[in-house]
PDB file of N, CA and C in Angstrom:
ATOM      1  N   MET A   1      26.086  -1.196  45.821  1.00  0.00           N
ATOM      2  CA  MET A   1      26.180  -0.095  45.031  1.00  0.00           C
ATOM      3  C   MET A   1      26.639   1.189  45.865  1.00  0.00           C
ATOM      4  N   VAL A   2      27.264   2.016  45.403  1.00  0.00           N
ATOM      5  CA  VAL A   2      28.360   3.179  46.131  1.00  0.00           C
ATOM      6  C   VAL A   2      27.253   4.083  45.372  1.00  0.00           C
ATOM      7  N   TYR A   3      27.089   5.060  46.279  1.00  0.00           N
ATOM      8  CA  TYR A   3      26.597   6.036  46.108  1.00  0.00           C
ATOM      9  C   TYR A   3      27.065   7.541  45.983  1.00  0.00           C
ATOM     10  N   SER A   4      27.468   8.035  44.998  1.00  0.00           N
ATOM     11  CA  SER A   4      28.778   9.695  44.870  1.00  0.00           C
ATOM     12  C   SER A   4      27.899  10.246  44.471  1.00  0.00           C
ATOM     13  N   ASP A   5      28.636  11.772  45.039  1.00  0.00           N
ATOM     14  CA  ASP A   5      28.255  12.660  44.975  1.00  0.00           C
ATOM     15  C   ASP A   5      27.700  13.369  43.618  1.00  0.00           C
ATOM     16  N   ALA A   6      28.243  12.868  42.772  1.00  0.00           N
ATOM     17  CA  ALA A   6      28.154  12.512  41.157  1.00  0.00           C
ATOM     18  C   ALA A   6      26.587  12.387  40.771  1.00  0.00           C
ATOM     19  N   MET A   7      25.985  10.927  41.700  1.00  0.00           N
ATOM     20  CA  MET A   7      24.767  11.155  41.672  1.00  0.00           C
ATOM     21  C   MET A   7      23.657  11.978  42.114  1.00  0.00           C
ATOM     22  N   ALA A   8      24.129  12.356  43.538  1.00  0.00           N
ATOM     23  CA  ALA A   8      23.464  12.736  44.142  1.00  0.00           C
ATOM     24  C   ALA A   8      23.173  14.199  43.210  1.00  0.00           C
ATOM     25  N   GLY A   9      24.354  15.095  42.441  1.00  0.00           N
ATOM     26  CA  GLY A   9      23.875  16.138  41.384  1.00  0.00           C
ATOM     27  C   GLY A   9      23.215  16.142  40.115  1.00  0.00           C
ATOM     28  N   ALA A  10      23.570  14.745  40.117  1.00  0.00           N
ATOM     29  CA  ALA A  10      22.417  14.200  38.588  1.00  0.00           C
ATOM     30  C   ALA A  10      20.900  14.472  39.380  1.00  0.00           C
ATOM     31  N   LYS A  11      21.400  14.203  40.617  1.00  0.00           N
ATOM     32  CA  LYS A  11      19.030  13.327  40.610  1.00  0.00           C
ATOM     33  C   LYS A  11      18.892  15.805  41.422  1.00  0.00           C
ATOM     34  N   GLN A  12      19.609  16.424  41.466  1.00  0.00           N
ATOM     35  CA  GLN A  12      19.481  17.709  41.729  1.00  0.00           C
ATOM     36  C   GLN A  12      19.088  18.650  40.613  1.00  0.00           C
ATOM     37  N   ILE A  13      19.404  18.068  39.192  1.00  0.00           N
ATOM     38  CA  ILE A  13      19.937  18.886  38.301  1.00  0.00           C
ATOM     39  C   ILE A  13      18.357  18.315  37.740  1.00  0.00           C
ATOM     40  N   SER A  14      17.447  17.187  37.761  1.00  0.00           N
ATOM     41  CA  SER A  14      16.184  16.666  36.947  1.00  0.00           C
ATOM     42  C   SER A  14      15.222  17.672  37.209  1.00  0.00           C
ATOM     43  N   GLU A  15      14.198  17.774  36.348  1.00  0.00           N
ATOM     44  CA  GLU A  15      13.585  18.902  37.460  1.00  0.00           C
ATOM     45  C   GLU A  15      12.335  18.240  37.652  1.00  0.00           C
ATOM     46  N   LYS A  16      12.280  19.682  38.619  1.00  0.00           N
ATOM     47  CA  LYS A  16      11.366  19.987  39.449  1.00  0.00           C
ATOM     48  C   LYS A  16       9.972  19.197  39.620  1.00  0.00           C
ATOM     49  N   GLN A  17       9.346  18.176  40.372  1.00  0.00           N
ATOM     50  CA  GLN A  17       8.276  17.819  40.782  1.00  0.00           C
ATOM     51  C   GLN A  17       7.170  19.679  41.227  1.00  0.00           C
ATOM     52  N   VAL A  18       5.888  19.135  40.679  1.00  0.00           N
ATOM     53  CA  VAL A  18       4.990  20.124  41.136  1.00  0.00           C
ATOM     54  C   VAL A  18       3.860  19.204  41.493  1.00  0.00           C
ATOM     55  N   ARG A  19       3.262  19.690  42.732  1.00  0.00           N
ATOM     56  CA  ARG A  19       1.755  18.399  43.225  1.00  0.00           C
ATOM     57  C   ARG A  19       0.802  19.425  42.718  1.00  0.00           C
ATOM     58  N   ARG A  20       0.120  18.301  42.017  1.00  0.00           N
ATOM     59  CA  ARG A  20      -1.631  18.962  41.537  1.00  0.00           C
ATOM     60  C   ARG A  20      -2.474  17.951  41.851  1.00  0.00           C
ATOM     61  N   SER A  21      -3.907  18.865  42.209  1.00  0.00           N
ATOM     62  CA  SER A  21      -4.849  18.107  42.030  1.00  0.00           C
ATOM     63  C   SER A  21      -5.808  18.475  41.145  1.00  0.00           C
ATOM     64  N   VAL A  22      -6.468  16.628  41.120  1.00  0.00           N
ATOM     65  CA  VAL A  22      -6.820  16.859  39.724  1.00  0.00           C
ATOM     66  C   VAL A  22      -8.872  16.079  40.379  1.00  0.00           C
ATOM     67  N   THR A  23      -9.621  16.807  39.803  1.00  0.00           N
ATOM     68  CA  THR A  23     -10.621  15.547  39.966  1.00  0.00           C
ATOM     69  C   THR A  23     -11.076  15.226  39.074  1.00  0.00           C
ATOM     70  N   LEU A  24     -11.290  13.577  38.381  1.00  0.00           N
ATOM     71  CA  LEU A  24     -11.645  13.360  37.453  1.00  0.00           C
ATOM     72  C   LEU A  24     -12.805  12.515  37.669  1.00  0.00           C
ATOM     73  N   PRO A  25     -14.303  12.577  36.566  1.00  0.00           N
ATOM     74  CA  PRO A  25     -14.942  11.788  36.445  1.00  0.00           C
ATOM     75  C   PRO A  25     -14.863  10.221  36.978  1.00  0.00           C
ATOM     76  N   SER A  26     -15.772   9.505  37.497  1.00  0.00           N
ATOM     77  CA  SER A  26     -15.722   8.365  38.013  1.00  0.00           C
ATOM     78  C   SER A  26     -15.138   7.365  36.787  1.00  0.00           C
ATOM     79  N   VAL A  27     -15.851   8.015  36.106  1.00  0.00           N
ATOM     80  CA  VAL A  27     -15.955   7.056  34.293  1.00  0.00           C
ATOM     81  C   VAL A  27     -14.171   6.702  34.116  1.00  0.00           C
ATOM     82  N   VAL A  28     -13.627   8.290  33.711  1.00  0.00           N
ATOM     83  CA  VAL A  28     -12.662   7.951  33.035  1.00  0.00           C
ATOM     84  C   VAL A  28     -12.002   7.783  35.219  1.00  0.00           C
ATOM     85  N   ALA A  29     -11.656   7.561  36.371  1.00  0.00           N
ATOM     86  CA  ALA A  29     -11.146   7.340  37.373  1.00  0.00           C
ATOM     87  C   ALA A  29     -10.927   5.814  37.076  1.00  0.00           C
ATOM     88  N   ASN A  30     -12.215   5.184  36.723  1.00  0.00           N
ATOM     89  CA  ASN A  30     -11.991   3.843  36.918  1.00  0.00           C
ATOM     90  C   ASN A  30     -11.356   3.049  35.374  1.00  0.00           C
ATOM     91  N   GLN A  31     -10.937   4.254  34.154  1.00  0.00           N
ATOM     92  CA  GLN A  31     -10.515   3.529  33.223  1.00  0.00           C
ATOM     93  C   GLN A  31      -8.741   3.321  33.456  1.00  0.00           C
ATOM     94  N   ILE A  32      -8.557   4.835  34.446  1.00  0.00           N
ATOM     95  CA  ILE A  32      -7.462   5.297  34.485  1.00  0.00           C
ATOM     96  C   ILE A  32      -6.643   3.692  35.299  1.00  0.00           C
ATOM     97  N   ALA A  33      -7.384   3.454  36.183  1.00  0.00           N
ATOM     98  CA  ALA A  33      -6.944   2.719  37.561  1.00  0.00           C
ATOM     99  C   ALA A  33      -6.597   1.022  37.081  1.00  0.00           C
ATOM    100  N   GLY A  34      -7.859   0.697  35.591  1.00  0.00           N
ATOM    101  CA  GLY A  34      -7.805  -0.242  35.397  1.00  0.00           C
ATOM    102  C   GLY A  34      -6.855  -0.665  33.937  1.00  0.00           C
ATOM    103  N   MET A  35      -6.008   0.412  33.375  1.00  0.00           N
ATOM    104  CA  MET A  35      -5.001   0.400  32.709  1.00  0.00           C
ATOM    105  C   MET A  35      -3.982   0.456  33.753  1.00  0.00           C
ATOM    106  N   ALA A  36      -3.842   1.086  34.721  1.00  0.00           N
ATOM    107  CA  ALA A  36      -2.386   1.334  35.610  1.00  0.00           C
ATOM    108  C   ALA A  36      -2.659  -0.158  36.242  1.00  0.00           C
ATOM    109  N   LYS A  37      -3.797  -1.050  36.580  1.00  0.00           N
ATOM    110  CA  LYS A  37      -3.266  -2.661  36.959  1.00  0.00           C
ATOM    111  C   LYS A  37      -2.861  -3.013  35.675  1.00  0.00           C
ATOM    112  N   GLN A  38      -3.500  -2.855  34.480  1.00  0.00           N
ATOM    113  CA  GLN A  38      -2.338  -3.868  33.276  1.00  0.00           C
ATOM    114  C   GLN A  38      -1.340  -3.687  33.029  1.00  0.00           C
ATOM    115  N   ARG A  39      -1.158  -2.438  33.348  1.00  0.00           N
ATOM    116  CA  ARG A  39       0.233  -2.211  32.904  1.00  0.00           C
ATOM    117  C   ARG A  39       1.579  -1.760  33.883  1.00  0.00           C
ATOM    118  N   ARG A  40       0.273  -2.411  35.176  1.00  0.00           N
ATOM    119  CA  ARG A  40       0.919  -2.632  36.234  1.00  0.00           C
ATOM    120  C   ARG A  40       2.250  -1.306  36.787  1.00  0.00           C
ATOM    121  N   LEU A  41       1.577   0.108  36.551  1.00  0.00           N
ATOM    122  CA  LEU A  41       1.874   1.322  37.056  1.00  0.00           C
ATOM    123  C   LEU A  41       0.835   1.592  37.742  1.00  0.00           C
ATOM    124  N   SER A  42       1.167   3.071  38.504  1.00  0.00           N
ATOM    125  CA  SER A  42       0.204   3.593  39.674  1.00  0.00           C
ATOM    126  C   SER A  42      -0.064   4.207  38.965  1.00  0.00           C
ATOM    127  N   ASP A  43      -1.418   4.618  39.293  1.00  0.00           N
ATOM    128  CA  ASP A  43      -2.158   5.670  38.822  1.00  0.00           C
ATOM    129  C   ASP A  43      -1.504   6.576  38.320  1.00  0.00           C
ATOM    130  N   ASN A  44      -0.536   7.470  39.163  1.00  0.00           N
ATOM    131  CA  ASN A  44      -0.493   8.799  38.989  1.00  0.00           C
ATOM    132  C   ASN A  44       0.458   8.733  37.762  1.00  0.00           C
ATOM    133  N   ARG A  45       1.605   7.167  37.854  1.00  0.00           N
ATOM    134  CA  ARG A  45       2.316   7.284  36.979  1.00  0.00           C
ATOM    135  C   ARG A  45       1.960   7.720  35.571  1.00  0.00           C
ATOM    136  N   LEU A  46       0.759   6.610  35.429  1.00  0.00           N
ATOM    137  CA  LEU A  46      -0.259   6.527  33.990  1.00  0.00           C
ATOM    138  C   LEU A  46      -0.754   8.280  33.804  1.00  0.00           C
ATOM    139  N   LEU A  47      -1.155   8.216  34.669  1.00  0.00           N
ATOM    140  CA  LEU A  47      -1.435   9.854  34.482  1.00  0.00           C
ATOM    141  C   LEU A  47      -0.991  10.681  33.861  1.00  0.00           C
ATOM    142  N   VAL A  48       0.662  10.985  34.166  1.00  0.00           N
ATOM    143  CA  VAL A  48       1.616  11.392  34.092  1.00  0.00           C
ATOM    144  C   VAL A  48       1.783  11.222  32.457  1.00  0.00           C
ATOM    145  N   GLU A  49       2.258   9.767  32.219  1.00  0.00           N
ATOM    146  CA  GLU A  49       1.969   9.403  30.651  1.00  0.00           C
ATOM    147  C   GLU A  49       1.314   9.829  29.685  1.00  0.00           C
ATOM    148  N   LEU A  50       0.183  10.052  30.291  1.00  0.00           N
ATOM    149  CA  LEU A  50      -0.918  10.225  29.567  1.00  0.00           C
ATOM    150  C   LEU A  50      -1.423  11.363  29.516  1.00  0.00           C
ATOM    151  N   ILE A  51      -0.656  11.946  29.846  1.00  0.00           N
ATOM    152  CA  ILE A  51      -0.279  14.154  30.043  1.00  0.00           C
ATOM    153  C   ILE A  51       0.631  14.223  29.078  1.00  0.00           C
ATOM    154  N   GLU A  52       1.627  13.782  29.856  1.00  0.00           N
ATOM    155  CA  GLU A  52       2.798  13.929  28.539  1.00  0.00           C
ATOM    156  C   GLU A  52       2.719  13.655  26.754  1.00  0.00           C
ATOM    157  N   GLN A  53       2.085  12.451  26.558  1.00  0.00           N
ATOM    158  CA  GLN A  53       1.211  11.453  25.241  1.00  0.00           C
ATOM    159  C   GLN A  53       0.472  12.866  24.352  1.00  0.00           C
ATOM    160  N   GLY A  54      -0.573  13.318  25.615  1.00  0.00           N
ATOM    161  CA  GLY A  54      -1.618  14.065  24.989  1.00  0.00           C
ATOM    162  C   GLY A  54      -1.194  15.805  24.304  1.00  0.00           C
ATOM    163  N   ILE A  55       0.121  16.027  25.367  1.00  0.00           N
ATOM    164  CA  ILE A  55       0.677  17.459  24.925  1.00  0.00           C
ATOM    165  C   ILE A  55       1.623  17.061  23.880  1.00  0.00           C
ATOM    166  N   GLU A  56       2.291  16.251  23.819  1.00  0.00           N
ATOM    167  CA  GLU A  56       2.835  15.412  22.518  1.00  0.00           C
ATOM    168  C   GLU A  56       2.434  15.500  21.253  1.00  0.00           C
ATOM    169  N   ALA A  57       0.817  14.815  20.983  1.00  0.00           N
ATOM    170  CA  ALA A  57       0.417  14.779  20.309  1.00  0.00           C
ATOM    171  C   ALA A  57      -0.258  16.125  20.175  1.00  0.00           C
ATOM    172  N   ARG A  58      -0.459  17.035  20.702  1.00  0.00           N
ATOM    173  CA  ARG A  58      -1.008  18.397  20.695  1.00  0.00           C
ATOM    174  C   ARG A  58       0.232  19.409  19.719  1.00  0.00           C
ATOM    175  N   LYS A  59       1.364  18.880  19.787  1.00  0.00           N
ATOM    176  CA  LYS A  59       3.166  19.629  19.749  1.00  0.00           C
ATOM    177  C   LYS A  59       2.563  19.530  17.923  1.00  0.00           C
ATOM    178  N   GLN A  60       2.435  18.094  18.508  1.00  0.00           N
ATOM    179  CA  GLN A  60       2.539  17.914  16.559  1.00  0.00           C
ATOM    180  C   GLN A  60       1.310  17.655  15.718  1.00  0.00           C
ATOM    181  N   LYS A  61      -0.029  17.837  16.674  1.00  0.00           N
ATOM    182  CA  LYS A  61      -1.001  18.601  15.556  1.00  0.00           C
ATOM    183  C   LYS A  61      -0.775  20.205  14.833  1.00  0.00           C
ATOM    184  N   GLU A  62      -0.372  21.048  15.966  1.00  0.00           N
ATOM    185  CA  GLU A  62       0.131  22.344  15.768  1.00  0.00           C
ATOM    186  C   GLU A  62       1.070  22.800  14.419  1.00  0.00           C
ATOM    187  N   LYS A  63       2.118  21.434  14.831  1.00  0.00           N
ATOM    188  CA  LYS A  63       3.155  21.393  13.668  1.00  0.00           C
ATOM    189  C   LYS A  63       2.507  21.358  12.307  1.00  0.00           C
ATOM    190  N   ALA A  64       1.958  20.023  12.065  1.00  0.00           N
ATOM    191  CA  ALA A  64       0.847  19.367  10.729  1.00  0.00           C
ATOM    192  C   ALA A  64      -0.073  20.837  10.626  1.00  0.00           C
ATOM    193  N   PHE A  65      -0.766  21.664  11.171  1.00  0.00           N
ATOM    194  CA  PHE A  65      -1.513  22.385  11.407  1.00  0.00           C
ATOM    195  C   PHE A  65      -0.599  23.562  10.126  1.00  0.00           C
ATOM    196  N   PHE A  66       0.448  24.096  10.838  1.00  0.00           N
ATOM    197  CA  PHE A  66       1.843  25.451  10.709  1.00  0.00           C
ATOM    198  C   PHE A  66       1.803  24.890   8.986  1.00  0.00           C
ATOM    199  N   SER A  67       2.159  23.351   8.919  1.00  0.00           N
ATOM    200  CA  SER A  67       3.200  22.763   7.722  1.00  0.00           C
ATOM    201  C   SER A  67       2.258  23.283   6.381  1.00  0.00           C
ATOM    202  N   LEU A  68       0.620  22.380   6.895  1.00  0.00           N
ATOM    203  CA  LEU A  68      -0.365  22.668   5.842  1.00  0.00           C
ATOM    204  C   LEU A  68      -0.569  24.446   5.189  1.00  0.00           C
ATOM    205  N   ALA A  69      -0.813  24.955   6.495  1.00  0.00           N
ATOM    206  CA  ALA A  69      -0.924  26.402   6.345  1.00  0.00           C
ATOM    207  C   ALA A  69       0.181  27.077   5.444  1.00  0.00           C
ATOM    208  N   GLU A  70       1.517  26.537   6.066  1.00  0.00           N
ATOM    209  CA  GLU A  70       2.215  27.340   4.491  1.00  0.00           C
ATOM    210  C   GLU A  70       2.037  26.383   3.363  1.00  0.00           C
ATOM    211  N   ARG A  71       1.813  25.058   3.040  1.00  0.00           N
ATOM    212  CA  ARG A  71       1.519  24.651   1.604  1.00  0.00           C
ATOM    213  C   ARG A  71       0.387  25.820   1.466  1.00  0.00           C
ATOM    214  N   PHE A  72      -0.706  25.625   1.931  1.00  0.00           N
ATOM    215  CA  PHE A  72      -1.756  26.668   1.254  1.00  0.00           C
ATOM    216  C   PHE A  72      -1.265  28.239   1.013  1.00  0.00           C
ATOM    217  N   ARG A  73      -0.510  28.576   1.890  1.00  0.00           N
ATOM    218  CA  ARG A  73       0.088  30.143   1.469  1.00  0.00           C
ATOM    219  C   ARG A  73       1.168  30.160  -0.221  1.00  0.00           C
ATOM    220  N   ALA A  74       1.650  28.954  -0.388  1.00  0.00           N
ATOM    221  CA  ALA A  74       2.801  28.387  -1.149  1.00  0.00           C
ATOM    222  C   ALA A  74       2.305  27.948  -2.617  1.00  0.00           C
ATOM    223  N   ALA A  75       0.822  27.878  -2.463  1.00  0.00           N
ATOM    224  CA  ALA A  75       0.452  27.126  -3.621  1.00  0.00           C
ATOM    225  C   ALA A  75      -0.249  27.959  -4.766  1.00  0.00           C
ATOM    226  N   THR A  76       0.176  27.248  -5.851  1.00  0.00           N
ATOM    227  CA  THR A  76       0.037  28.386  -7.096  1.00  0.00           C
ATOM    228  C   THR A  76      -1.638  27.787  -7.737  1.00  0.00           C
ATOM    229  N   ASN A  77      -1.156  27.050  -7.923  1.00  0.00           N
ATOM    230  CA  ASN A  77      -2.375  25.845  -8.914  1.00  0.00           C
ATOM    231  C   ASN A  77      -3.832  26.375  -7.971  1.00  0.00           C
ATOM    232  N   PRO A  78      -4.929  26.934  -8.624  1.00  0.00           N
ATOM    233  CA  PRO A  78      -5.901  26.295  -8.197  1.00  0.00           C
ATOM    234  C   PRO A  78      -6.854  25.402  -7.309  1.00  0.00           C
ATOM    235  N   GLU A  79      -6.305  24.305  -8.304  1.00  0.00           N
ATOM    236  CA  GLU A  79      -6.911  22.946  -7.764  1.00  0.00           C
ATOM    237  C   GLU A  79      -6.719  22.896  -6.409  1.00  0.00           C
ATOM    238  N   GLU A  80      -5.136  22.809  -6.417  1.00  0.00           N
ATOM    239  CA  GLU A  80      -4.036  22.490  -5.446  1.00  0.00           C
ATOM    240  C   GLU A  80      -4.874  23.775  -3.969  1.00  0.00           C
ATOM    241  N   VAL A  81      -4.500  24.520  -4.665  1.00  0.00           N
ATOM    242  CA  VAL A  81      -5.130  25.786  -3.687  1.00  0.00           C
ATOM    243  C   VAL A  81      -6.773  25.297  -2.581  1.00  0.00           C
ATOM    244  N   LYS A  82      -7.395  24.659  -4.066  1.00  0.00           N
ATOM    245  CA  LYS A  82      -9.016  24.669  -3.041  1.00  0.00           C
ATOM    246  C   LYS A  82      -8.917  22.735  -1.990  1.00  0.00           C
ATOM    247  N   ARG A  83      -8.019  22.177  -2.772  1.00  0.00           N
ATOM    248  CA  ARG A  83      -7.590  20.973  -2.263  1.00  0.00           C
ATOM    249  C   ARG A  83      -7.117  21.486  -0.446  1.00  0.00           C
ATOM    250  N   LEU A  84      -5.861  22.538  -0.627  1.00  0.00           N
ATOM    251  CA  LEU A  84      -5.421  22.586   0.661  1.00  0.00           C
ATOM    252  C   LEU A  84      -6.428  23.161   1.594  1.00  0.00           C
ATOM    253  N   GLY A  85      -6.898  23.663   1.016  1.00  0.00           N
ATOM    254  CA  GLY A  85      -7.794  25.164   1.434  1.00  0.00           C
ATOM    255  C   GLY A  85      -9.220  24.373   2.392  1.00  0.00           C
ATOM    256  N   ASP A  86     -10.014  23.450   1.897  1.00  0.00           N
ATOM    257  CA  ASP A  86     -10.281  22.119   2.571  1.00  0.00           C
ATOM    258  C   ASP A  86      -9.570  21.363   3.280  1.00  0.00           C
ATOM    259  N   GLU A  87      -9.043  21.268   3.285  1.00  0.00           N
ATOM    260  CA  GLU A  87      -8.019  20.620   4.645  1.00  0.00           C
ATOM    261  C   GLU A  87      -8.294  21.427   5.632  1.00  0.00           C
ATOM    262  N   LEU A  88      -7.577  22.587   5.358  1.00  0.00           N
ATOM    263  CA  LEU A  88      -7.357  23.610   6.158  1.00  0.00           C
ATOM    264  C   LEU A  88      -8.471  23.586   7.057  1.00  0.00           C
ATOM    265  N   GLY A  89      -9.899  23.651   6.834  1.00  0.00           N
ATOM    266  CA  GLY A  89     -11.331  23.979   7.190  1.00  0.00           C
ATOM    267  C   GLY A  89     -11.307  22.935   7.644  1.00  0.00           C
ATOM    268  N   ARG A  90     -11.516  21.646   7.334  1.00  0.00           N
ATOM    269  CA  ARG A  90     -11.195  20.477   8.306  1.00  0.00           C
ATOM    270  C   ARG A  90     -10.587  20.172   9.608  1.00  0.00           C
ATOM    271  N   PHE A  91      -9.216  20.894   9.576  1.00  0.00           N
ATOM    272  CA  PHE A  91      -8.236  21.201  10.715  1.00  0.00           C
ATOM    273  C   PHE A  91      -9.088  22.143  11.580  1.00  0.00           C
ATOM    274  N   VAL A  92      -9.750  23.079  11.079  1.00  0.00           N
ATOM    275  CA  VAL A  92     -10.116  24.252  11.996  1.00  0.00           C
ATOM    276  C   VAL A  92     -11.278  23.769  12.750  1.00  0.00           C
ATOM    277  N   PHE A  93     -12.154  23.275  11.414  1.00  0.00           N
ATOM    278  CA  PHE A  93     -13.588  23.093  11.949  1.00  0.00           C
ATOM    279  C   PHE A  93     -13.764  21.463  12.216  1.00  0.00           C
ATOM    280  N   GLY A  94     -13.221  20.889  12.063  1.00  0.00           N
ATOM    281  CA  GLY A  94     -13.268  19.169  12.006  1.00  0.00           C
ATOM    282  C   GLY A  94     -14.076  18.847  11.415  1.00  0.00           C
ATOM    283  N   GLU A  95     -14.161  17.716  11.242  1.00  0.00           N
ATOM    284  CA  GLU A  95     -15.423  16.436   9.929  1.00  0.00           C
ATOM    285  C   GLU A  95     -16.102  15.937  10.623  1.00  0.00           C
TER     286      GLU A  95
END
């Protein structure tokens, strides 16, 4: 394979990596090690994937909440208002 300057430029454009140090409970660390071994990934790569998935899940949940809030504000039928209000309550306070 020939390494060209174009390839070097693409590497420089990629996101900068930042080193972080975290302390994990031993139970979580053991789960990470087991999952990483099963998927044949490094512990670090698995942690990055899990964090990315968690961030995406949080964004989706936030998006769903605002969609529900908008439907609640736009609702005119009292039964629908109550149902959507109950859903919002579960969203906020859990169940």
